[in-house]
């Protein structure tokens, strides 16, 4: 379960047996989200506030190329 990024207590990670579309998992405390990296569609979420959700999307936008690159490096070696 590779962790790609840690910012403001949020952990951005993949599971080792992932599937398309390219996406990232995010957790902090009891909160969890799964976001498609190319479209920024949220495909799962629980226990994050709206402010946390906005912050997560903002972080993903800022690091989008890095996160997609990490996905490709891990799954297309």
N, C-alpha and C. Protein backbone atom coordinates (compact mmCIF):
# COMPACT_ATOMS: atom_id res chain seq x y z
N UNK A 1 0.84 -1.16 0.00
CA UNK A 1 0.00 0.00 0.00
C UNK A 1 0.91 1.24 0.00
N UNK A 2 1.38 1.64 -1.18
CA UNK A 2 2.32 2.76 -1.24
C UNK A 2 1.66 4.11 -0.92
N UNK A 3 2.27 4.83 0.00
CA UNK A 3 1.85 6.20 0.29
C UNK A 3 2.62 7.11 -0.65
N UNK A 4 1.90 7.97 -1.37
CA UNK A 4 2.50 8.83 -2.37
C UNK A 4 2.76 10.22 -1.82
N UNK A 5 1.88 10.69 -0.93
CA UNK A 5 1.95 12.06 -0.47
C UNK A 5 1.32 12.16 0.92
N UNK A 6 1.90 13.01 1.76
CA UNK A 6 1.31 13.35 3.07
C UNK A 6 1.33 14.86 3.19
N UNK A 7 0.15 15.44 3.35
CA UNK A 7 0.04 16.89 3.50
C UNK A 7 -1.07 17.18 4.50
N UNK A 8 -0.77 18.05 5.47
CA UNK A 8 -1.76 18.50 6.46
C UNK A 8 -2.50 17.34 7.12
N UNK A 9 -1.81 16.25 7.35
CA UNK A 9 -2.42 15.10 8.01
C UNK A 9 -3.16 14.16 7.06
N UNK A 10 -3.32 14.54 5.79
CA UNK A 10 -3.96 13.68 4.80
C UNK A 10 -2.91 12.72 4.23
N UNK A 11 -3.29 11.47 4.08
CA UNK A 11 -2.41 10.48 3.46
C UNK A 11 -3.01 10.09 2.12
N UNK A 12 -2.25 10.25 1.06
CA UNK A 12 -2.66 9.92 -0.30
C UNK A 12 -1.94 8.64 -0.69
N UNK A 13 -2.71 7.60 -1.06
CA UNK A 13 -2.08 6.30 -1.27
C UNK A 13 -2.83 5.47 -2.30
N UNK A 14 -2.15 4.39 -2.74
CA UNK A 14 -2.74 3.38 -3.62
C UNK A 14 -2.74 2.06 -2.87
N UNK A 15 -3.62 1.16 -3.26
CA UNK A 15 -3.50 -0.23 -2.84
C UNK A 15 -2.63 -0.94 -3.87
N UNK A 16 -1.97 -2.00 -3.49
CA UNK A 16 -1.03 -2.67 -4.39
C UNK A 16 -1.70 -3.38 -5.55
N UNK A 17 -3.00 -3.66 -5.45
CA UNK A 17 -3.70 -4.40 -6.51
C UNK A 17 -4.78 -3.54 -7.16
N UNK A 18 -4.43 -2.31 -7.51
CA UNK A 18 -5.40 -1.35 -8.04
C UNK A 18 -5.90 -1.70 -9.43
N UNK A 19 -6.89 -0.97 -9.86
CA UNK A 19 -7.53 -1.15 -11.16
C UNK A 19 -7.77 0.22 -11.78
N UNK A 20 -8.01 0.26 -13.07
CA UNK A 20 -8.37 1.51 -13.75
C UNK A 20 -9.78 1.90 -13.32
N UNK A 21 -10.17 3.13 -13.39
CA UNK A 21 -9.40 4.29 -13.82
C UNK A 21 -8.37 4.71 -12.76
N UNK A 22 -7.41 5.51 -13.20
CA UNK A 22 -6.36 5.99 -12.31
C UNK A 22 -7.01 6.80 -11.19
N UNK A 23 -6.73 6.42 -9.94
CA UNK A 23 -7.35 7.09 -8.80
C UNK A 23 -6.43 7.05 -7.60
N UNK A 24 -6.79 7.83 -6.59
CA UNK A 24 -6.02 7.91 -5.35
C UNK A 24 -6.97 7.74 -4.17
N UNK A 25 -6.49 7.12 -3.13
CA UNK A 25 -7.24 7.00 -1.87
C UNK A 25 -6.66 8.04 -0.91
N UNK A 26 -7.52 8.64 -0.10
CA UNK A 26 -7.09 9.66 0.85
C UNK A 26 -7.73 9.33 2.20
N UNK A 27 -6.92 9.40 3.24
CA UNK A 27 -7.49 9.21 4.57
C UNK A 27 -6.83 10.16 5.57
N UNK A 28 -7.61 10.47 6.57
CA UNK A 28 -7.13 11.26 7.71
C UNK A 28 -8.10 10.95 8.84
N UNK A 29 -7.59 10.43 9.94
CA UNK A 29 -8.46 10.02 11.03
C UNK A 29 -9.47 9.00 10.54
N UNK A 30 -10.76 9.24 10.78
CA UNK A 30 -11.82 8.35 10.32
C UNK A 30 -12.29 8.68 8.91
N UNK A 31 -11.78 9.77 8.33
CA UNK A 31 -12.23 10.20 7.01
C UNK A 31 -11.56 9.42 5.89
N UNK A 32 -12.30 9.24 4.80
CA UNK A 32 -11.79 8.50 3.64
C UNK A 32 -12.43 9.06 2.37
N UNK A 33 -11.64 9.16 1.31
CA UNK A 33 -12.15 9.52 -0.02
C UNK A 33 -11.36 8.74 -1.07
N UNK A 34 -12.02 8.48 -2.19
CA UNK A 34 -11.36 7.93 -3.38
C UNK A 34 -11.69 8.88 -4.52
N UNK A 35 -10.65 9.34 -5.24
CA UNK A 35 -10.83 10.36 -6.27
C UNK A 35 -10.12 9.90 -7.55
N UNK A 36 -10.83 9.98 -8.67
CA UNK A 36 -10.21 9.71 -9.97
C UNK A 36 -9.27 10.87 -10.28
N UNK A 37 -8.04 10.54 -10.65
CA UNK A 37 -7.03 11.58 -10.81
C UNK A 37 -7.17 12.40 -12.08
N UNK A 38 -7.68 11.83 -13.12
CA UNK A 38 -7.79 12.58 -14.37
C UNK A 38 -9.02 13.49 -14.40
N UNK A 39 -10.12 13.06 -13.81
CA UNK A 39 -11.37 13.82 -13.85
C UNK A 39 -11.69 14.54 -12.54
N UNK A 40 -11.03 14.15 -11.47
CA UNK A 40 -11.27 14.66 -10.11
C UNK A 40 -12.66 14.27 -9.59
N UNK A 41 -13.27 13.26 -10.20
CA UNK A 41 -14.54 12.74 -9.69
C UNK A 41 -14.31 12.01 -8.38
N UNK A 42 -15.13 12.32 -7.40
CA UNK A 42 -15.08 11.61 -6.12
C UNK A 42 -15.95 10.37 -6.26
N UNK A 43 -15.35 9.20 -6.08
CA UNK A 43 -16.09 7.95 -6.28
C UNK A 43 -16.45 7.26 -4.97
N UNK A 44 -15.90 7.75 -3.86
CA UNK A 44 -16.27 7.23 -2.54
C UNK A 44 -15.84 8.25 -1.50
N UNK A 45 -16.64 8.37 -0.45
CA UNK A 45 -16.24 9.27 0.64
C UNK A 45 -17.02 8.91 1.90
N UNK A 46 -16.39 9.21 3.02
CA UNK A 46 -17.07 9.06 4.30
C UNK A 46 -16.35 9.88 5.36
N UNK A 47 -17.14 10.55 6.15
CA UNK A 47 -16.70 11.25 7.36
C UNK A 47 -15.75 12.42 7.14
N UNK A 48 -15.66 12.97 5.94
CA UNK A 48 -14.92 14.21 5.74
C UNK A 48 -15.92 15.36 5.69
N UNK A 49 -15.53 16.50 6.24
CA UNK A 49 -16.35 17.71 6.13
C UNK A 49 -16.24 18.25 4.70
N UNK A 50 -17.14 19.13 4.33
CA UNK A 50 -17.07 19.78 3.01
C UNK A 50 -15.75 20.54 2.87
N UNK A 51 -15.29 21.17 3.94
CA UNK A 51 -14.01 21.88 3.88
C UNK A 51 -12.85 20.93 3.62
N UNK A 52 -12.86 19.77 4.28
CA UNK A 52 -11.82 18.77 4.02
C UNK A 52 -11.88 18.29 2.57
N UNK A 53 -13.08 18.04 2.07
CA UNK A 53 -13.23 17.58 0.69
C UNK A 53 -12.66 18.61 -0.28
N UNK A 54 -12.96 19.89 -0.06
CA UNK A 54 -12.43 20.95 -0.92
C UNK A 54 -10.91 21.01 -0.83
N UNK A 55 -10.37 20.86 0.38
CA UNK A 55 -8.93 20.90 0.56
C UNK A 55 -8.26 19.72 -0.15
N UNK A 56 -8.85 18.55 -0.05
CA UNK A 56 -8.30 17.36 -0.72
C UNK A 56 -8.27 17.57 -2.23
N UNK A 57 -9.36 18.05 -2.81
CA UNK A 57 -9.40 18.29 -4.25
C UNK A 57 -8.35 19.34 -4.63
N UNK A 58 -8.19 20.36 -3.83
CA UNK A 58 -7.19 21.40 -4.09
C UNK A 58 -5.77 20.80 -4.08
N UNK A 59 -5.49 19.95 -3.10
CA UNK A 59 -4.18 19.30 -3.02
C UNK A 59 -3.96 18.40 -4.24
N UNK A 60 -4.98 17.65 -4.62
CA UNK A 60 -4.86 16.78 -5.78
C UNK A 60 -4.60 17.60 -7.04
N UNK A 61 -5.32 18.70 -7.22
CA UNK A 61 -5.08 19.56 -8.39
C UNK A 61 -3.64 20.03 -8.43
N UNK A 62 -3.13 20.45 -7.28
CA UNK A 62 -1.76 20.98 -7.21
C UNK A 62 -0.72 19.90 -7.51
N UNK A 63 -1.00 18.66 -7.14
CA UNK A 63 -0.04 17.57 -7.29
C UNK A 63 -0.48 16.52 -8.31
N UNK A 64 -1.42 16.89 -9.19
CA UNK A 64 -2.05 15.94 -10.10
C UNK A 64 -1.02 15.19 -10.96
N UNK A 65 -0.10 15.91 -11.58
CA UNK A 65 0.91 15.27 -12.43
C UNK A 65 1.77 14.31 -11.62
N UNK A 66 2.18 14.72 -10.44
CA UNK A 66 2.99 13.87 -9.56
C UNK A 66 2.25 12.60 -9.17
N UNK A 67 0.96 12.71 -8.84
CA UNK A 67 0.16 11.55 -8.43
C UNK A 67 -0.05 10.59 -9.60
N UNK A 68 -0.36 11.13 -10.78
CA UNK A 68 -0.53 10.27 -11.95
C UNK A 68 0.79 9.61 -12.31
N UNK A 69 1.89 10.35 -12.20
CA UNK A 69 3.22 9.78 -12.44
C UNK A 69 3.54 8.65 -11.48
N UNK A 70 3.17 8.82 -10.22
CA UNK A 70 3.42 7.78 -9.21
C UNK A 70 2.59 6.53 -9.53
N UNK A 71 1.33 6.72 -9.98
CA UNK A 71 0.48 5.60 -10.38
C UNK A 71 1.17 4.84 -11.52
N UNK A 72 1.56 5.57 -12.56
CA UNK A 72 2.17 4.93 -13.73
C UNK A 72 3.47 4.23 -13.36
N UNK A 73 4.28 4.84 -12.53
CA UNK A 73 5.54 4.22 -12.11
C UNK A 73 5.28 2.94 -11.33
N UNK A 74 4.25 2.93 -10.48
CA UNK A 74 3.98 1.75 -9.66
C UNK A 74 3.31 0.63 -10.43
N UNK A 75 2.35 0.96 -11.27
CA UNK A 75 1.56 -0.07 -11.92
C UNK A 75 1.99 -0.43 -13.33
N UNK A 76 2.88 0.35 -13.92
CA UNK A 76 3.32 0.08 -15.29
C UNK A 76 4.83 -0.07 -15.36
N UNK A 77 5.41 -0.69 -14.34
CA UNK A 77 6.87 -0.89 -14.28
C UNK A 77 7.33 -1.87 -15.33
